[in-house]
Each structure stands twice: as C-alpha cells, then as structure tokens.
Amino acid sequence: MNLNPGEVVYVIIRNPHAQNVANVQEAAVVRHPDSPNQLALFLYETYYPLTDEVAVYTTEEEAEQAYQEAFGSLEMDEQFYG
C-alpha cells in the first residue's frame, strides 16, 4: 500500500488496559518528527511507526469488515458490561 503524508486511514487498535477490547480508529499518515524520511501514524496524540506489521485500511468500511472477521460482533441478546 502506497501511503502519503496527509492521508486519513483506519486501523484496528487494542485497548492497552484491556487486551480483549479493540476498535476501529481513524489515523493520519504523517512524517515522523524524529525521522522525517519515515512515515508514521498519528493517533491519540502519539506517533506510531508505519511498518508492514500494521494493518492499515483506506476506508472505515474495510476496517470494520476486518474487525468483524477478527473479533466478531455482539449479538443483539448479548450485553457488554464495561
């Protein structure tokens, strides 16, 4: 995937405090401030290295579909207590 600074992408990110909780999050593709020749994802006021190990989706729909395939969804009769 060829990404450029300024593009908006979507990633699935896990909650660091509850590993069984994940969600789709919008992120910006930017130049890493410490390494201007490298791209990074900027989300939650933090720069994350943009590597081949990060699954990046160009649309929210793609990310949501990947999320459903990986984590499933709550059925209507299931309840989430958080």
PDB file of N, CA and C in Angstrom:
ATOM      1  N   MET A   1       0.852  -1.165   0.000  1.00  0.00           N
ATOM      2  CA  MET A   1       0.000   0.000   0.000  1.00  0.00           C
ATOM      3  C   MET A   1       0.903   1.235   0.000  1.00  0.00           C
ATOM      4  N   ASN A   2       0.660   2.121  -0.915  1.00  0.00           N
ATOM      5  CA  ASN A   2       1.451   3.329  -1.035  1.00  0.00           C
ATOM      6  C   ASN A   2       0.710   4.473  -0.348  1.00  0.00           C
ATOM      7  N   LEU A   3       1.224   4.909   0.780  1.00  0.00           N
ATOM      8  CA  LEU A   3       0.580   5.983   1.549  1.00  0.00           C
ATOM      9  C   LEU A   3       1.424   7.246   1.495  1.00  0.00           C
ATOM     10  N   ASN A   4       0.742   8.378   1.613  1.00  0.00           N
ATOM     11  CA  ASN A   4       1.414   9.674   1.576  1.00  0.00           C
ATOM     12  C   ASN A   4       1.000  10.510   2.765  1.00  0.00           C
ATOM     13  N   PRO A   5       1.889  11.408   3.215  1.00  0.00           N
ATOM     14  CA  PRO A   5       1.538  12.297   4.320  1.00  0.00           C
ATOM     15  C   PRO A   5       0.254  13.063   4.014  1.00  0.00           C
ATOM     16  N   GLY A   6      -0.577  13.180   5.024  1.00  0.00           N
ATOM     17  CA  GLY A   6      -1.842  13.894   4.877  1.00  0.00           C
ATOM     18  C   GLY A   6      -3.027  12.994   4.641  1.00  0.00           C
ATOM     19  N   GLU A   7      -2.792  11.735   4.297  1.00  0.00           N
ATOM     20  CA  GLU A   7      -3.904  10.807   4.075  1.00  0.00           C
ATOM     21  C   GLU A   7      -4.509  10.378   5.406  1.00  0.00           C
ATOM     22  N   VAL A   8      -5.802  10.123   5.389  1.00  0.00           N
ATOM     23  CA  VAL A   8      -6.505   9.581   6.544  1.00  0.00           C
ATOM     24  C   VAL A   8      -6.723   8.104   6.284  1.00  0.00           C
ATOM     25  N   VAL A   9      -6.378   7.278   7.271  1.00  0.00           N
ATOM     26  CA  VAL A   9      -6.525   5.830   7.167  1.00  0.00           C
ATOM     27  C   VAL A   9      -7.208   5.329   8.435  1.00  0.00           C
ATOM     28  N   TYR A  10      -7.473   4.036   8.465  1.00  0.00           N
ATOM     29  CA  TYR A  10      -8.135   3.428   9.620  1.00  0.00           C
ATOM     30  C   TYR A  10      -7.334   2.220  10.066  1.00  0.00           C
ATOM     31  N   VAL A  11      -7.236   2.040  11.372  1.00  0.00           N
ATOM     32  CA  VAL A  11      -6.524   0.915  11.953  1.00  0.00           C
ATOM     33  C   VAL A  11      -7.403   0.293  13.035  1.00  0.00           C
ATOM     34  N   ILE A  12      -7.108  -0.954  13.351  1.00  0.00           N
ATOM     35  CA  ILE A  12      -7.766  -1.609  14.491  1.00  0.00           C
ATOM     36  C   ILE A  12      -6.757  -1.545  15.621  1.00  0.00           C
ATOM     37  N   ILE A  13      -7.168  -0.956  16.709  1.00  0.00           N
ATOM     38  CA  ILE A  13      -6.236  -0.769  17.817  1.00  0.00           C
ATOM     39  C   ILE A  13      -6.829  -1.386  19.078  1.00  0.00           C
ATOM     40  N   ARG A  14      -5.971  -2.038  19.843  1.00  0.00           N
ATOM     41  CA  ARG A  14      -6.400  -2.660  21.094  1.00  0.00           C
ATOM     42  C   ARG A  14      -6.239  -1.670  22.247  1.00  0.00           C
ATOM     43  N   ASN A  15      -7.101  -1.813  23.210  1.00  0.00           N
ATOM     44  CA  ASN A  15      -7.016  -1.030  24.434  1.00  0.00           C
ATOM     45  C   ASN A  15      -5.851  -1.602  25.247  1.00  0.00           C
ATOM     46  N   PRO A  16      -4.843  -0.798  25.600  1.00  0.00           N
ATOM     47  CA  PRO A  16      -3.692  -1.335  26.333  1.00  0.00           C
ATOM     48  C   PRO A  16      -4.042  -1.801  27.743  1.00  0.00           C
ATOM     49  N   HIS A  17      -5.184  -1.373  28.265  1.00  0.00           N
ATOM     50  CA  HIS A  17      -5.580  -1.748  29.624  1.00  0.00           C
ATOM     51  C   HIS A  17      -6.510  -2.953  29.649  1.00  0.00           C
ATOM     52  N   ALA A  18      -7.073  -3.303  28.494  1.00  0.00           N
ATOM     53  CA  ALA A  18      -7.984  -4.452  28.392  1.00  0.00           C
ATOM     54  C   ALA A  18      -7.758  -5.086  27.025  1.00  0.00           C
ATOM     55  N   GLN A  19      -6.903  -6.086  26.972  1.00  0.00           N
ATOM     56  CA  GLN A  19      -6.479  -6.665  25.699  1.00  0.00           C
ATOM     57  C   GLN A  19      -7.609  -7.309  24.895  1.00  0.00           C
ATOM     58  N   ASN A  20      -8.745  -7.571  25.535  1.00  0.00           N
ATOM     59  CA  ASN A  20      -9.857  -8.152  24.794  1.00  0.00           C
ATOM     60  C   ASN A  20     -10.779  -7.079  24.224  1.00  0.00           C
ATOM     61  N   VAL A  21     -10.350  -5.815  24.289  1.00  0.00           N
ATOM     62  CA  VAL A  21     -11.137  -4.707  23.753  1.00  0.00           C
ATOM     63  C   VAL A  21     -10.347  -4.065  22.619  1.00  0.00           C
ATOM     64  N   ALA A  22     -10.993  -3.946  21.464  1.00  0.00           N
ATOM     65  CA  ALA A  22     -10.360  -3.323  20.307  1.00  0.00           C
ATOM     66  C   ALA A  22     -11.417  -2.508  19.579  1.00  0.00           C
ATOM     67  N   ASN A  23     -10.953  -1.527  18.802  1.00  0.00           N
ATOM     68  CA  ASN A  23     -11.897  -0.753  17.992  1.00  0.00           C
ATOM     69  C   ASN A  23     -11.201  -0.196  16.756  1.00  0.00           C
ATOM     70  N   VAL A  24     -12.015   0.248  15.823  1.00  0.00           N
ATOM     71  CA  VAL A  24     -11.504   0.876  14.611  1.00  0.00           C
ATOM     72  C   VAL A  24     -11.271   2.343  14.925  1.00  0.00           C
ATOM     73  N   GLN A  25     -10.108   2.842  14.549  1.00  0.00           N
ATOM     74  CA  GLN A  25      -9.753   4.223  14.854  1.00  0.00           C
ATOM     75  C   GLN A  25      -9.204   4.909  13.612  1.00  0.00           C
ATOM     76  N   GLU A  26      -9.604   6.143  13.416  1.00  0.00           N
ATOM     77  CA  GLU A  26      -9.064   6.958  12.327  1.00  0.00           C
ATOM     78  C   GLU A  26      -7.677   7.438  12.711  1.00  0.00           C
ATOM     79  N   ALA A  27      -6.760   7.455  11.743  1.00  0.00           N
ATOM     80  CA  ALA A  27      -5.394   7.925  11.985  1.00  0.00           C
ATOM     81  C   ALA A  27      -4.928   8.729  10.783  1.00  0.00           C
ATOM     82  N   ALA A  28      -4.000   9.620  11.021  1.00  0.00           N
ATOM     83  CA  ALA A  28      -3.417  10.422   9.941  1.00  0.00           C
ATOM     84  C   ALA A  28      -2.033   9.885   9.604  1.00  0.00           C
ATOM     85  N   VAL A  29      -1.725   9.836   8.322  1.00  0.00           N
ATOM     86  CA  VAL A  29      -0.379   9.473   7.875  1.00  0.00           C
ATOM     87  C   VAL A  29       0.440  10.764   7.868  1.00  0.00           C
ATOM     88  N   VAL A  30       1.562  10.751   8.586  1.00  0.00           N
ATOM     89  CA  VAL A  30       2.418  11.937   8.712  1.00  0.00           C
ATOM     90  C   VAL A  30       3.876  11.521   8.603  1.00  0.00           C
ATOM     91  N   ARG A  31       4.745  12.505   8.440  1.00  0.00           N
ATOM     92  CA  ARG A  31       6.188  12.242   8.537  1.00  0.00           C
ATOM     93  C   ARG A  31       6.539  12.176  10.029  1.00  0.00           C
ATOM     94  N   HIS A  32       7.328  11.189  10.380  1.00  0.00           N
ATOM     95  CA  HIS A  32       7.716  11.041  11.784  1.00  0.00           C
ATOM     96  C   HIS A  32       8.601  12.215  12.177  1.00  0.00           C
ATOM     97  N   PRO A  33       8.268  12.918  13.270  1.00  0.00           N
ATOM     98  CA  PRO A  33       9.041  14.118  13.630  1.00  0.00           C
ATOM     99  C   PRO A  33      10.508  13.837  13.970  1.00  0.00           C
ATOM    100  N   ASP A  34      10.809  12.634  14.456  1.00  0.00           N
ATOM    101  CA  ASP A  34      12.194  12.298  14.791  1.00  0.00           C
ATOM    102  C   ASP A  34      12.950  11.700  13.615  1.00  0.00           C
ATOM    103  N   SER A  35      12.216  11.231  12.603  1.00  0.00           N
ATOM    104  CA  SER A  35      12.820  10.635  11.411  1.00  0.00           C
ATOM    105  C   SER A  35      12.024  11.088  10.198  1.00  0.00           C
ATOM    106  N   PRO A  36      12.279  12.301   9.695  1.00  0.00           N
ATOM    107  CA  PRO A  36      11.475  12.873   8.610  1.00  0.00           C
ATOM    108  C   PRO A  36      11.402  12.042   7.336  1.00  0.00           C
ATOM    109  N   ASN A  37      12.326  11.091   7.161  1.00  0.00           N
ATOM    110  CA  ASN A  37      12.283  10.235   5.969  1.00  0.00           C
ATOM    111  C   ASN A  37      11.338   9.052   6.141  1.00  0.00           C
ATOM    112  N   GLN A  38      10.784   8.887   7.345  1.00  0.00           N
ATOM    113  CA  GLN A  38       9.890   7.771   7.619  1.00  0.00           C
ATOM    114  C   GLN A  38       8.475   8.274   7.875  1.00  0.00           C
ATOM    115  N   LEU A  39       7.504   7.453   7.471  1.00  0.00           N
ATOM    116  CA  LEU A  39       6.108   7.790   7.735  1.00  0.00           C
ATOM    117  C   LEU A  39       5.682   7.203   9.073  1.00  0.00           C
ATOM    118  N   ALA A  40       4.672   7.839   9.665  1.00  0.00           N
ATOM    119  CA  ALA A  40       4.129   7.377  10.937  1.00  0.00           C
ATOM    120  C   ALA A  40       2.617   7.557  10.906  1.00  0.00           C
ATOM    121  N   LEU A  41       1.962   6.861  11.812  1.00  0.00           N
ATOM    122  CA  LEU A  41       0.528   7.075  12.033  1.00  0.00           C
ATOM    123  C   LEU A  41       0.394   7.969  13.248  1.00  0.00           C
ATOM    124  N   PHE A  42      -0.436   8.960  13.138  1.00  0.00           N
ATOM    125  CA  PHE A  42      -0.654   9.861  14.266  1.00  0.00           C
ATOM    126  C   PHE A  42      -2.067   9.650  14.770  1.00  0.00           C
ATOM    127  N   LEU A  43      -2.182   9.119  15.986  1.00  0.00           N
ATOM    128  CA  LEU A  43      -3.476   8.974  16.631  1.00  0.00           C
ATOM    129  C   LEU A  43      -3.279   9.009  18.129  1.00  0.00           C
ATOM    130  N   TYR A  44      -4.307   9.453  18.821  1.00  0.00           N
ATOM    131  CA  TYR A  44      -4.242   9.633  20.275  1.00  0.00           C
ATOM    132  C   TYR A  44      -3.038  10.499  20.677  1.00  0.00           C
ATOM    133  N   GLU A  45      -2.758  11.523  19.868  1.00  0.00           N
ATOM    134  CA  GLU A  45      -1.659  12.459  20.153  1.00  0.00           C
ATOM    135  C   GLU A  45      -0.302  11.771  20.234  1.00  0.00           C
ATOM    136  N   THR A  46      -0.162  10.637  19.543  1.00  0.00           N
ATOM    137  CA  THR A  46       1.078   9.858  19.573  1.00  0.00           C
ATOM    138  C   THR A  46       1.452   9.450  18.155  1.00  0.00           C
ATOM    139  N   TYR A  47       2.745   9.379  17.882  1.00  0.00           N
ATOM    140  CA  TYR A  47       3.258   8.914  16.600  1.00  0.00           C
ATOM    141  C   TYR A  47       3.583   7.428  16.704  1.00  0.00           C
ATOM    142  N   TYR A  48       3.032   6.632  15.799  1.00  0.00           N
ATOM    143  CA  TYR A  48       3.302   5.204  15.745  1.00  0.00           C
ATOM    144  C   TYR A  48       4.021   4.911  14.436  1.00  0.00           C
ATOM    145  N   PRO A  49       5.131   4.162  14.479  1.00  0.00           N
ATOM    146  CA  PRO A  49       5.845   3.838  13.245  1.00  0.00           C
ATOM    147  C   PRO A  49       4.913   3.120  12.267  1.00  0.00           C
ATOM    148  N   LEU A  50       4.981   3.491  11.034  1.00  0.00           N
ATOM    149  CA  LEU A  50       4.187   2.851   9.989  1.00  0.00           C
ATOM    150  C   LEU A  50       5.047   1.755   9.366  1.00  0.00           C
ATOM    151  N   THR A  51       4.797   0.526   9.785  1.00  0.00           N
ATOM    152  CA  THR A  51       5.574  -0.617   9.308  1.00  0.00           C
ATOM    153  C   THR A  51       4.642  -1.603   8.614  1.00  0.00           C
ATOM    154  N   ASP A  52       5.228  -2.615   8.012  1.00  0.00           N
ATOM    155  CA  ASP A  52       4.448  -3.665   7.359  1.00  0.00           C
ATOM    156  C   ASP A  52       3.653  -4.490   8.360  1.00  0.00           C
ATOM    157  N   GLU A  53       3.980  -4.380   9.635  1.00  0.00           N
ATOM    158  CA  GLU A  53       3.288  -5.137  10.672  1.00  0.00           C
ATOM    159  C   GLU A  53       1.968  -4.499  11.094  1.00  0.00           C
ATOM    160  N   VAL A  54       1.703  -3.288  10.631  1.00  0.00           N
ATOM    161  CA  VAL A  54       0.478  -2.579  10.985  1.00  0.00           C
ATOM    162  C   VAL A  54      -0.529  -2.749   9.857  1.00  0.00           C
ATOM    163  N   ALA A  55      -1.713  -3.238  10.200  1.00  0.00           N
ATOM    164  CA  ALA A  55      -2.781  -3.376   9.207  1.00  0.00           C
ATOM    165  C   ALA A  55      -3.463  -2.020   9.062  1.00  0.00           C
ATOM    166  N   VAL A  56      -3.367  -1.450   7.876  1.00  0.00           N
ATOM    167  CA  VAL A  56      -3.919  -0.125   7.592  1.00  0.00           C
ATOM    168  C   VAL A  56      -4.987  -0.282   6.517  1.00  0.00           C
ATOM    169  N   TYR A  57      -6.111   0.384   6.719  1.00  0.00           N
ATOM    170  CA  TYR A  57      -7.231   0.306   5.776  1.00  0.00           C
ATOM    171  C   TYR A  57      -7.535   1.703   5.256  1.00  0.00           C
ATOM    172  N   THR A  58      -7.839   1.776   3.974  1.00  0.00           N
ATOM    173  CA  THR A  58      -8.089   3.094   3.377  1.00  0.00           C
ATOM    174  C   THR A  58      -9.507   3.583   3.608  1.00  0.00           C
ATOM    175  N   THR A  59     -10.424   2.679   3.960  1.00  0.00           N
ATOM    176  CA  THR A  59     -11.786   3.107   4.268  1.00  0.00           C
ATOM    177  C   THR A  59     -12.212   2.534   5.614  1.00  0.00           C
ATOM    178  N   GLU A  60     -13.135   3.224   6.242  1.00  0.00           N
ATOM    179  CA  GLU A  60     -13.664   2.749   7.512  1.00  0.00           C
ATOM    180  C   GLU A  60     -14.412   1.426   7.319  1.00  0.00           C
ATOM    181  N   GLU A  61     -15.067   1.280   6.176  1.00  0.00           N
ATOM    182  CA  GLU A  61     -15.809   0.049   5.893  1.00  0.00           C
ATOM    183  C   GLU A  61     -14.872  -1.154   5.827  1.00  0.00           C
ATOM    184  N   GLU A  62     -13.717  -0.999   5.173  1.00  0.00           N
ATOM    185  CA  GLU A  62     -12.730  -2.079   5.115  1.00  0.00           C
ATOM    186  C   GLU A  62     -12.263  -2.459   6.515  1.00  0.00           C
ATOM    187  N   ALA A  63     -11.991  -1.457   7.330  1.00  0.00           N
ATOM    188  CA  ALA A  63     -11.527  -1.703   8.693  1.00  0.00           C
ATOM    189  C   ALA A  63     -12.601  -2.390   9.521  1.00  0.00           C
ATOM    190  N   GLU A  64     -13.848  -1.951   9.377  1.00  0.00           N
ATOM    191  CA  GLU A  64     -14.956  -2.565  10.115  1.00  0.00           C
ATOM    192  C   GLU A  64     -15.126  -4.027   9.702  1.00  0.00           C
ATOM    193  N   GLN A  65     -14.997  -4.309   8.416  1.00  0.00           N
ATOM    194  CA  GLN A  65     -15.123  -5.690   7.933  1.00  0.00           C
ATOM    195  C   GLN A  65     -14.004  -6.557   8.514  1.00  0.00           C
ATOM    196  N   ALA A  66     -12.781  -6.046   8.513  1.00  0.00           N
ATOM    197  CA  ALA A  66     -11.653  -6.787   9.080  1.00  0.00           C
ATOM    198  C   ALA A  66     -11.857  -7.002  10.576  1.00  0.00           C
ATOM    199  N   TYR A  67     -12.397  -5.998  11.250  1.00  0.00           N
ATOM    200  CA  TYR A  67     -12.691  -6.118  12.682  1.00  0.00           C
ATOM    201  C   TYR A  67     -13.688  -7.243  12.922  1.00  0.00           C
ATOM    202  N   GLN A  68     -14.769  -7.260  12.130  1.00  0.00           N
ATOM    203  CA  GLN A  68     -15.793  -8.293  12.282  1.00  0.00           C
ATOM    204  C   GLN A  68     -15.207  -9.686  12.042  1.00  0.00           C
ATOM    205  N   GLU A  69     -14.328  -9.811  11.045  1.00  0.00           N
ATOM    206  CA  GLU A  69     -13.700 -11.102  10.749  1.00  0.00           C
ATOM    207  C   GLU A  69     -12.785 -11.546  11.883  1.00  0.00           C
ATOM    208  N   ALA A  70     -12.097 -10.593  12.508  1.00  0.00           N
ATOM    209  CA  ALA A  70     -11.142 -10.922  13.561  1.00  0.00           C
ATOM    210  C   ALA A  70     -11.800 -11.114  14.923  1.00  0.00           C
ATOM    211  N   PHE A  71     -12.782 -10.271  15.240  1.00  0.00           N
ATOM    212  CA  PHE A  71     -13.332 -10.262  16.593  1.00  0.00           C
ATOM    213  C   PHE A  71     -14.803 -10.630  16.669  1.00  0.00           C
ATOM    214  N   GLY A  72     -15.490 -10.697  15.529  1.00  0.00           N
ATOM    215  CA  GLY A  72     -16.920 -10.956  15.557  1.00  0.00           C
ATOM    216  C   GLY A  72     -17.652  -9.745  16.086  1.00  0.00           C
ATOM    217  N   SER A  73     -18.892  -9.943  16.437  1.00  0.00           N
ATOM    218  CA  SER A  73     -19.678  -8.841  16.987  1.00  0.00           C
ATOM    219  C   SER A  73     -20.596  -9.374  18.065  1.00  0.00           C
ATOM    220  N   LEU A  74     -21.060  -8.483  18.900  1.00  0.00           N
ATOM    221  CA  LEU A  74     -22.011  -8.866  19.929  1.00  0.00           C
ATOM    222  C   LEU A  74     -23.369  -9.123  19.297  1.00  0.00           C
ATOM    223  N   GLU A  75     -23.979 -10.207  19.677  1.00  0.00           N
ATOM    224  CA  GLU A  75     -25.330 -10.477  19.209  1.00  0.00           C
ATOM    225  C   GLU A  75     -26.292  -9.555  19.940  1.00  0.00           C
ATOM    226  N   MET A  76     -27.451  -9.364  19.359  1.00  0.00           N
ATOM    227  CA  MET A  76     -28.426  -8.444  19.930  1.00  0.00           C
ATOM    228  C   MET A  76     -28.812  -8.831  21.359  1.00  0.00           C
ATOM    229  N   ASP A  77     -28.823 -10.140  21.672  1.00  0.00           N
ATOM    230  CA  ASP A  77     -29.237 -10.545  23.008  1.00  0.00           C
ATOM    231  C   ASP A  77     -28.072 -10.605  23.995  1.00  0.00           C
ATOM    232  N   GLU A  78     -26.841 -10.386  23.520  1.00  0.00           N
ATOM    233  CA  GLU A  78     -25.689 -10.332  24.412  1.00  0.00           C
ATOM    234  C   GLU A  78     -25.555  -8.908  24.937  1.00  0.00           C
ATOM    235  N   GLN A  79     -25.015  -8.807  26.124  1.00  0.00           N
ATOM    236  CA  GLN A  79     -24.801  -7.488  26.700  1.00  0.00           C
ATOM    237  C   GLN A  79     -23.343  -7.344  27.063  1.00  0.00           C
ATOM    238  N   PHE A  80     -22.875  -6.133  26.946  1.00  0.00           N
ATOM    239  CA  PHE A  80     -21.497  -5.825  27.295  1.00  0.00           C
ATOM    240  C   PHE A  80     -21.516  -4.983  28.560  1.00  0.00           C
ATOM    241  N   TYR A  81     -20.787  -5.430  29.542  1.00  0.00           N
ATOM    242  CA  TYR A  81     -20.681  -4.658  30.773  1.00  0.00           C
ATOM    243  C   TYR A  81     -19.263  -4.139  30.860  1.00  0.00           C
ATOM    244  N   GLY A  82     -19.098  -2.829  30.896  1.00  0.00           N
ATOM    245  CA  GLY A  82     -17.751  -2.283  30.908  1.00  0.00           C
ATOM    246  C   GLY A  82     -17.578  -1.214  31.802  1.00  0.00           C
TER     247      GLY A  82
END
